[in-house]
PDB file of N, CA and C in Angstrom:
ATOM      1  N   MET A   1      14.177   0.948 -10.709  1.00  0.00           N
ATOM      2  CA  MET A   1      14.031  -0.431 -11.147  1.00  0.00           C
ATOM      3  C   MET A   1      13.870  -0.470 -12.669  1.00  0.00           C
ATOM      4  N   GLU A   2      14.367  -1.511 -13.256  1.00  0.00           N
ATOM      5  CA  GLU A   2      14.168  -1.709 -14.691  1.00  0.00           C
ATOM      6  C   GLU A   2      12.752  -2.205 -14.941  1.00  0.00           C
ATOM      7  N   ASP A   3      12.281  -2.001 -16.172  1.00  0.00           N
ATOM      8  CA  ASP A   3      10.916  -2.385 -16.514  1.00  0.00           C
ATOM      9  C   ASP A   3      10.644  -3.861 -16.247  1.00  0.00           C
ATOM     10  N   ALA A   4      11.565  -4.732 -16.610  1.00  0.00           N
ATOM     11  CA  ALA A   4      11.369  -6.168 -16.408  1.00  0.00           C
ATOM     12  C   ALA A   4      11.189  -6.496 -14.930  1.00  0.00           C
ATOM     13  N   ALA A   5      11.930  -5.809 -14.066  1.00  0.00           N
ATOM     14  CA  ALA A   5      11.818  -6.039 -12.626  1.00  0.00           C
ATOM     15  C   ALA A   5      10.484  -5.516 -12.097  1.00  0.00           C
ATOM     16  N   VAL A   6      10.022  -4.388 -12.606  1.00  0.00           N
ATOM     17  CA  VAL A   6       8.727  -3.832 -12.192  1.00  0.00           C
ATOM     18  C   VAL A   6       7.612  -4.791 -12.588  1.00  0.00           C
ATOM     19  N   LEU A   7       7.659  -5.298 -13.824  1.00  0.00           N
ATOM     20  CA  LEU A   7       6.630  -6.219 -14.296  1.00  0.00           C
ATOM     21  C   LEU A   7       6.655  -7.525 -13.501  1.00  0.00           C
ATOM     22  N   ALA A   8       7.833  -8.024 -13.184  1.00  0.00           N
ATOM     23  CA  ALA A   8       7.960  -9.254 -12.391  1.00  0.00           C
ATOM     24  C   ALA A   8       7.399  -9.051 -10.984  1.00  0.00           C
ATOM     25  N   LEU A   9       7.683  -7.910 -10.376  1.00  0.00           N
ATOM     26  CA  LEU A   9       7.163  -7.609  -9.042  1.00  0.00           C
ATOM     27  C   LEU A   9       5.634  -7.526  -9.060  1.00  0.00           C
ATOM     28  N   ALA A  10       5.088  -6.837 -10.048  1.00  0.00           N
ATOM     29  CA  ALA A  10       3.626  -6.736 -10.166  1.00  0.00           C
ATOM     30  C   ALA A  10       3.017  -8.126 -10.337  1.00  0.00           C
ATOM     31  N   HIS A  11       3.664  -8.974 -11.118  1.00  0.00           N
ATOM     32  CA  HIS A  11       3.163 -10.336 -11.317  1.00  0.00           C
ATOM     33  C   HIS A  11       3.187 -11.125 -10.012  1.00  0.00           C
ATOM     34  N   ARG A  12       4.297 -11.065  -9.292  1.00  0.00           N
ATOM     35  CA  ARG A  12       4.410 -11.793  -8.010  1.00  0.00           C
ATOM     36  C   ARG A  12       3.340 -11.341  -7.023  1.00  0.00           C
ATOM     37  N   GLN A  13       3.012 -10.075  -7.063  1.00  0.00           N
ATOM     38  CA  GLN A  13       2.022  -9.532  -6.136  1.00  0.00           C
ATOM     39  C   GLN A  13       0.599  -9.561  -6.709  1.00  0.00           C
ATOM     40  N   ALA A  14       0.451 -10.163  -7.900  1.00  0.00           N
ATOM     41  CA  ALA A  14      -0.852 -10.261  -8.579  1.00  0.00           C
ATOM     42  C   ALA A  14      -1.497  -8.890  -8.754  1.00  0.00           C
ATOM     43  N   ARG A  15      -0.689  -7.931  -9.194  1.00  0.00           N
ATOM     44  CA  ARG A  15      -1.169  -6.561  -9.402  1.00  0.00           C
ATOM     45  C   ARG A  15      -1.223  -6.222 -10.883  1.00  0.00           C
ATOM     46  N   ILE A  16      -2.246  -5.486 -11.262  1.00  0.00           N
ATOM     47  CA  ILE A  16      -2.356  -4.973 -12.623  1.00  0.00           C
ATOM     48  C   ILE A  16      -1.437  -3.768 -12.729  1.00  0.00           C
ATOM     49  N   LEU A  17      -0.675  -3.714 -13.800  1.00  0.00           N
ATOM     50  CA  LEU A  17       0.246  -2.611 -14.019  1.00  0.00           C
ATOM     51  C   LEU A  17      -0.410  -1.589 -14.949  1.00  0.00           C
ATOM     52  N   ILE A  18      -0.492  -0.352 -14.522  1.00  0.00           N
ATOM     53  CA  ILE A  18      -1.025   0.735 -15.344  1.00  0.00           C
ATOM     54  C   ILE A  18       0.148   1.625 -15.704  1.00  0.00           C
ATOM     55  N   THR A  19       0.310   1.898 -17.005  1.00  0.00           N
ATOM     56  CA  THR A  19       1.505   2.587 -17.464  1.00  0.00           C
ATOM     57  C   THR A  19       1.240   3.458 -18.688  1.00  0.00           C
ATOM     58  N   LEU A  20       2.154   4.380 -18.918  1.00  0.00           N
ATOM     59  CA  LEU A  20       2.178   5.162 -20.152  1.00  0.00           C
ATOM     60  C   LEU A  20       3.241   4.612 -21.106  1.00  0.00           C
ATOM     61  N   ASP A  21       4.015   3.664 -20.635  1.00  0.00           N
ATOM     62  CA  ASP A  21       5.209   3.157 -21.314  1.00  0.00           C
ATOM     63  C   ASP A  21       4.898   1.923 -22.166  1.00  0.00           C
ATOM     64  N   LYS A  22       5.181   1.981 -23.456  1.00  0.00           N
ATOM     65  CA  LYS A  22       4.897   0.846 -24.340  1.00  0.00           C
ATOM     66  C   LYS A  22       5.872  -0.311 -24.150  1.00  0.00           C
ATOM     67  N   ASP A  23       6.974  -0.088 -23.464  1.00  0.00           N
ATOM     68  CA  ASP A  23       7.960  -1.155 -23.266  1.00  0.00           C
ATOM     69  C   ASP A  23       7.388  -2.340 -22.484  1.00  0.00           C
ATOM     70  N   PHE A  24       6.416  -2.103 -21.617  1.00  0.00           N
ATOM     71  CA  PHE A  24       5.822  -3.199 -20.859  1.00  0.00           C
ATOM     72  C   PHE A  24       5.055  -4.147 -21.779  1.00  0.00           C
ATOM     73  N   GLY A  25       4.420  -3.601 -22.797  1.00  0.00           N
ATOM     74  CA  GLY A  25       3.738  -4.442 -23.780  1.00  0.00           C
ATOM     75  C   GLY A  25       4.711  -5.326 -24.520  1.00  0.00           C
ATOM     76  N   GLU A  26       5.866  -4.781 -24.867  1.00  0.00           N
ATOM     77  CA  GLU A  26       6.891  -5.577 -25.539  1.00  0.00           C
ATOM     78  C   GLU A  26       7.375  -6.702 -24.626  1.00  0.00           C
ATOM     79  N   LEU A  27       7.596  -6.397 -23.364  1.00  0.00           N
ATOM     80  CA  LEU A  27       8.019  -7.433 -22.420  1.00  0.00           C
ATOM     81  C   LEU A  27       6.983  -8.554 -22.336  1.00  0.00           C
ATOM     82  N   ALA A  28       5.715  -8.181 -22.331  1.00  0.00           N
ATOM     83  CA  ALA A  28       4.651  -9.168 -22.186  1.00  0.00           C
ATOM     84  C   ALA A  28       4.418  -9.964 -23.464  1.00  0.00           C
ATOM     85  N   VAL A  29       4.438  -9.293 -24.611  1.00  0.00           N
ATOM     86  CA  VAL A  29       4.082  -9.949 -25.868  1.00  0.00           C
ATOM     87  C   VAL A  29       5.288 -10.589 -26.540  1.00  0.00           C
ATOM     88  N   VAL A  30       6.330  -9.812 -26.759  1.00  0.00           N
ATOM     89  CA  VAL A  30       7.495 -10.315 -27.500  1.00  0.00           C
ATOM     90  C   VAL A  30       8.337 -11.243 -26.638  1.00  0.00           C
ATOM     91  N   ARG A  31       8.603 -10.820 -25.427  1.00  0.00           N
ATOM     92  CA  ARG A  31       9.461 -11.624 -24.540  1.00  0.00           C
ATOM     93  C   ARG A  31       8.673 -12.600 -23.672  1.00  0.00           C
ATOM     94  N   ARG A  32       7.351 -12.530 -23.766  1.00  0.00           N
ATOM     95  CA  ARG A  32       6.457 -13.435 -23.039  1.00  0.00           C
ATOM     96  C   ARG A  32       6.708 -13.464 -21.528  1.00  0.00           C
ATOM     97  N   GLN A  33       7.026 -12.285 -20.983  1.00  0.00           N
ATOM     98  CA  GLN A  33       7.215 -12.201 -19.535  1.00  0.00           C
ATOM     99  C   GLN A  33       5.844 -12.287 -18.865  1.00  0.00           C
ATOM    100  N   PRO A  34       5.695 -13.156 -17.879  1.00  0.00           N
ATOM    101  CA  PRO A  34       4.393 -13.287 -17.220  1.00  0.00           C
ATOM    102  C   PRO A  34       3.988 -11.996 -16.514  1.00  0.00           C
ATOM    103  N   HIS A  35       2.686 -11.777 -16.467  1.00  0.00           N
ATOM    104  CA  HIS A  35       2.159 -10.580 -15.806  1.00  0.00           C
ATOM    105  C   HIS A  35       0.742 -10.859 -15.363  1.00  0.00           C
ATOM    106  N   ALA A  36       0.218  -9.973 -14.527  1.00  0.00           N
ATOM    107  CA  ALA A  36      -1.136 -10.112 -13.997  1.00  0.00           C
ATOM    108  C   ALA A  36      -2.105  -9.148 -14.666  1.00  0.00           C
ATOM    109  N   GLY A  37      -1.748  -8.669 -15.844  1.00  0.00           N
ATOM    110  CA  GLY A  37      -2.571  -7.706 -16.572  1.00  0.00           C
ATOM    111  C   GLY A  37      -1.862  -6.371 -16.671  1.00  0.00           C
ATOM    112  N   ILE A  38      -1.975  -5.759 -17.852  1.00  0.00           N
ATOM    113  CA  ILE A  38      -1.333  -4.466 -18.103  1.00  0.00           C
ATOM    114  C   ILE A  38      -2.361  -3.553 -18.752  1.00  0.00           C
ATOM    115  N   VAL A  39      -2.436  -2.320 -18.269  1.00  0.00           N
ATOM    116  CA  VAL A  39      -3.249  -1.283 -18.894  1.00  0.00           C
ATOM    117  C   VAL A  39      -2.300  -0.189 -19.336  1.00  0.00           C
ATOM    118  N   ARG A  40      -2.286   0.085 -20.636  1.00  0.00           N
ATOM    119  CA  ARG A  40      -1.418   1.133 -21.178  1.00  0.00           C
ATOM    120  C   ARG A  40      -2.279   2.301 -21.631  1.00  0.00           C
ATOM    121  N   LEU A  41      -1.928   3.487 -21.168  1.00  0.00           N
ATOM    122  CA  LEU A  41      -2.646   4.705 -21.509  1.00  0.00           C
ATOM    123  C   LEU A  41      -1.890   5.435 -22.609  1.00  0.00           C
ATOM    124  N   VAL A  42      -2.590   5.754 -23.698  1.00  0.00           N
ATOM    125  CA  VAL A  42      -1.952   6.403 -24.842  1.00  0.00           C
ATOM    126  C   VAL A  42      -2.700   7.696 -25.165  1.00  0.00           C
ATOM    127  N   ALA A  43      -1.976   8.795 -25.191  1.00  0.00           N
ATOM    128  CA  ALA A  43      -2.511  10.095 -25.621  1.00  0.00           C
ATOM    129  C   ALA A  43      -3.748  10.524 -24.831  1.00  0.00           C
ATOM    130  N   LEU A  44      -3.755  10.247 -23.544  1.00  0.00           N
ATOM    131  CA  LEU A  44      -4.844  10.697 -22.683  1.00  0.00           C
ATOM    132  C   LEU A  44      -4.337  11.839 -21.811  1.00  0.00           C
ATOM    133  N   SER A  45      -5.154  12.852 -21.651  1.00  0.00           N
ATOM    134  CA  SER A  45      -4.757  13.957 -20.784  1.00  0.00           C
ATOM    135  C   SER A  45      -4.729  13.476 -19.346  1.00  0.00           C
ATOM    136  N   ALA A  46      -4.001  14.192 -18.514  1.00  0.00           N
ATOM    137  CA  ALA A  46      -3.913  13.832 -17.102  1.00  0.00           C
ATOM    138  C   ALA A  46      -5.296  13.805 -16.459  1.00  0.00           C
ATOM    139  N   ALA A  47      -6.173  14.699 -16.885  1.00  0.00           N
ATOM    140  CA  ALA A  47      -7.518  14.778 -16.308  1.00  0.00           C
ATOM    141  C   ALA A  47      -8.385  13.578 -16.672  1.00  0.00           C
ATOM    142  N   THR A  48      -8.101  12.924 -17.791  1.00  0.00           N
ATOM    143  CA  THR A  48      -8.935  11.796 -18.212  1.00  0.00           C
ATOM    144  C   THR A  48      -8.334  10.435 -17.850  1.00  0.00           C
ATOM    145  N   GLN A  49      -7.091  10.412 -17.406  1.00  0.00           N
ATOM    146  CA  GLN A  49      -6.444   9.136 -17.109  1.00  0.00           C
ATOM    147  C   GLN A  49      -7.135   8.384 -15.969  1.00  0.00           C
ATOM    148  N   GLY A  50      -7.450   9.061 -14.891  1.00  0.00           N
ATOM    149  CA  GLY A  50      -8.102   8.423 -13.742  1.00  0.00           C
ATOM    150  C   GLY A  50      -9.453   7.822 -14.105  1.00  0.00           C
ATOM    151  N   PRO A  51     -10.366   8.633 -14.673  1.00  0.00           N
ATOM    152  CA  PRO A  51     -11.664   8.072 -15.064  1.00  0.00           C
ATOM    153  C   PRO A  51     -11.540   6.948 -16.096  1.00  0.00           C
ATOM    154  N   ALA A  52     -10.594   7.055 -17.010  1.00  0.00           N
ATOM    155  CA  ALA A  52     -10.394   5.998 -18.008  1.00  0.00           C
ATOM    156  C   ALA A  52      -9.954   4.701 -17.333  1.00  0.00           C
ATOM    157  N   CYS A  53      -9.069   4.809 -16.352  1.00  0.00           N
ATOM    158  CA  CYS A  53      -8.615   3.619 -15.616  1.00  0.00           C
ATOM    159  C   CYS A  53      -9.763   2.982 -14.844  1.00  0.00           C
ATOM    160  N   VAL A  54     -10.560   3.789 -14.176  1.00  0.00           N
ATOM    161  CA  VAL A  54     -11.704   3.269 -13.427  1.00  0.00           C
ATOM    162  C   VAL A  54     -12.641   2.532 -14.381  1.00  0.00           C
ATOM    163  N   HIS A  55     -12.889   3.119 -15.542  1.00  0.00           N
ATOM    164  CA  HIS A  55     -13.778   2.496 -16.521  1.00  0.00           C
ATOM    165  C   HIS A  55     -13.240   1.148 -16.990  1.00  0.00           C
ATOM    166  N   VAL A  56     -11.981   1.110 -17.386  1.00  0.00           N
ATOM    167  CA  VAL A  56     -11.437  -0.144 -17.913  1.00  0.00           C
ATOM    168  C   VAL A  56     -11.308  -1.199 -16.821  1.00  0.00           C
ATOM    169  N   LEU A  57     -10.960  -0.802 -15.611  1.00  0.00           N
ATOM    170  CA  LEU A  57     -10.850  -1.767 -14.519  1.00  0.00           C
ATOM    171  C   LEU A  57     -12.208  -2.366 -14.161  1.00  0.00           C
ATOM    172  N   SER A  58     -13.261  -1.587 -14.298  1.00  0.00           N
ATOM    173  CA  SER A  58     -14.590  -2.102 -13.963  1.00  0.00           C
ATOM    174  C   SER A  58     -15.216  -2.888 -15.110  1.00  0.00           C
ATOM    175  N   THR A  59     -14.912  -2.544 -16.346  1.00  0.00           N
ATOM    176  CA  THR A  59     -15.552  -3.224 -17.470  1.00  0.00           C
ATOM    177  C   THR A  59     -14.721  -4.365 -18.046  1.00  0.00           C
ATOM    178  N   LYS A  60     -13.439  -4.378 -17.792  1.00  0.00           N
ATOM    179  CA  LYS A  60     -12.560  -5.407 -18.370  1.00  0.00           C
ATOM    180  C   LYS A  60     -11.839  -6.216 -17.300  1.00  0.00           C
ATOM    181  N   ALA A  61     -12.414  -6.284 -16.113  1.00  0.00           N
ATOM    182  CA  ALA A  61     -11.774  -6.998 -14.994  1.00  0.00           C
ATOM    183  C   ALA A  61     -11.519  -8.465 -15.330  1.00  0.00           C
ATOM    184  N   GLY A  62     -12.462  -9.103 -16.001  1.00  0.00           N
ATOM    185  CA  GLY A  62     -12.295 -10.510 -16.353  1.00  0.00           C
ATOM    186  C   GLY A  62     -11.112 -10.741 -17.263  1.00  0.00           C
ATOM    187  N   ALA A  63     -10.977  -9.909 -18.293  1.00  0.00           N
ATOM    188  CA  ALA A  63      -9.854 -10.034 -19.226  1.00  0.00           C
ATOM    189  C   ALA A  63      -8.535  -9.749 -18.518  1.00  0.00           C
ATOM    190  N   LEU A  64      -8.520  -8.734 -17.667  1.00  0.00           N
ATOM    191  CA  LEU A  64      -7.297  -8.415 -16.930  1.00  0.00           C
ATOM    192  C   LEU A  64      -6.927  -9.545 -15.983  1.00  0.00           C
ATOM    193  N   GLY A  65      -7.927 -10.164 -15.380  1.00  0.00           N
ATOM    194  CA  GLY A  65      -7.678 -11.289 -14.496  1.00  0.00           C
ATOM    195  C   GLY A  65      -7.057 -12.481 -15.203  1.00  0.00           C
ATOM    196  N   GLN A  66      -7.236 -12.524 -16.517  1.00  0.00           N
ATOM    197  CA  GLN A  66      -6.643 -13.580 -17.330  1.00  0.00           C
ATOM    198  C   GLN A  66      -5.338 -13.127 -17.977  1.00  0.00           C
ATOM    199  N   GLY A  67      -4.820 -11.979 -17.550  1.00  0.00           N
ATOM    200  CA  GLY A  67      -3.528 -11.504 -18.036  1.00  0.00           C
ATOM    201  C   GLY A  67      -3.568 -10.752 -19.345  1.00  0.00           C
ATOM    202  N   ALA A  68      -4.641 -10.033 -19.607  1.00  0.00           N
ATOM    203  CA  ALA A  68      -4.752  -9.272 -20.853  1.00  0.00           C
ATOM    204  C   ALA A  68      -3.855  -8.034 -20.827  1.00  0.00           C
ATOM    205  N   LEU A  69      -3.502  -7.585 -22.019  1.00  0.00           N
ATOM    206  CA  LEU A  69      -2.826  -6.306 -22.228  1.00  0.00           C
ATOM    207  C   LEU A  69      -3.869  -5.397 -22.852  1.00  0.00           C
ATOM    208  N   ILE A  70      -4.239  -4.351 -22.145  1.00  0.00           N
ATOM    209  CA  ILE A  70      -5.289  -3.445 -22.618  1.00  0.00           C
ATOM    210  C   ILE A  70      -4.679  -2.088 -22.906  1.00  0.00           C
ATOM    211  N   THR A  71      -4.996  -1.572 -24.088  1.00  0.00           N
ATOM    212  CA  THR A  71      -4.524  -0.255 -24.494  1.00  0.00           C
ATOM    213  C   THR A  71      -5.710   0.685 -24.582  1.00  0.00           C
ATOM    214  N   LEU A  72      -5.624   1.821 -23.881  1.00  0.00           N
ATOM    215  CA  LEU A  72      -6.651   2.864 -23.943  1.00  0.00           C
ATOM    216  C   LEU A  72      -6.094   4.022 -24.751  1.00  0.00           C
ATOM    217  N   HIS A  73      -6.805   4.377 -25.813  1.00  0.00           N
ATOM    218  CA  HIS A  73      -6.335   5.460 -26.672  1.00  0.00           C
ATOM    219  C   HIS A  73      -7.520   6.303 -27.087  1.00  0.00           C
ATOM    220  N   ARG A  74      -7.685   7.453 -26.462  1.00  0.00           N
ATOM    221  CA  ARG A  74      -8.743   8.415 -26.800  1.00  0.00           C
ATOM    222  C   ARG A  74     -10.105   7.772 -27.019  1.00  0.00           C
ATOM    223  N   GLY A  75     -10.582   7.090 -26.019  1.00  0.00           N
ATOM    224  CA  GLY A  75     -11.921   6.513 -26.079  1.00  0.00           C
ATOM    225  C   GLY A  75     -11.983   5.117 -26.694  1.00  0.00           C
ATOM    226  N   ARG A  76     -10.897   4.641 -27.255  1.00  0.00           N
ATOM    227  CA  ARG A  76     -10.879   3.289 -27.811  1.00  0.00           C
ATOM    228  C   ARG A  76     -10.204   2.355 -26.822  1.00  0.00           C
ATOM    229  N   ILE A  77     -10.711   1.150 -26.738  1.00  0.00           N
ATOM    230  CA  ILE A  77     -10.131   0.140 -25.860  1.00  0.00           C
ATOM    231  C   ILE A  77      -9.753  -1.058 -26.717  1.00  0.00           C
ATOM    232  N   ARG A  78      -8.478  -1.426 -26.674  1.00  0.00           N
ATOM    233  CA  ARG A  78      -7.998  -2.612 -27.399  1.00  0.00           C
ATOM    234  C   ARG A  78      -7.556  -3.638 -26.375  1.00  0.00           C
ATOM    235  N   VAL A  79      -8.104  -4.837 -26.476  1.00  0.00           N
ATOM    236  CA  VAL A  79      -7.779  -5.911 -25.547  1.00  0.00           C
ATOM    237  C   VAL A  79      -6.990  -6.980 -26.297  1.00  0.00           C
ATOM    238  N   ARG A  80      -5.820  -7.269 -25.790  1.00  0.00           N
ATOM    239  CA  ARG A  80      -5.000  -8.343 -26.346  1.00  0.00           C
ATOM    240  C   ARG A  80      -4.808  -9.380 -25.260  1.00  0.00           C
ATOM    241  N   ARG A  81      -5.225 -10.578 -25.556  1.00  0.00           N
ATOM    242  CA  ARG A  81      -5.143 -11.658 -24.568  1.00  0.00           C
ATOM    243  C   ARG A  81      -3.863 -12.422 -24.722  1.00  0.00           C
TER     244      ARG A  81
END
């Protein structure tokens, strides 16, 4: 599936999309494609990706519920609404 189709499917199903791919952010911000929240993981080891996702999903659930784009990069969390 193409990225736009994946993002549209996640939106229809009200699912948060977790990705390593920056193209989803472009679809959401530049092209204003609707979504149910995006978490992008940047430069995280495979061993830290799971715990990082659990942390952001539990601490930023409200922002994600409002369709935020969250970027996790080595301990930093950036929230774009």
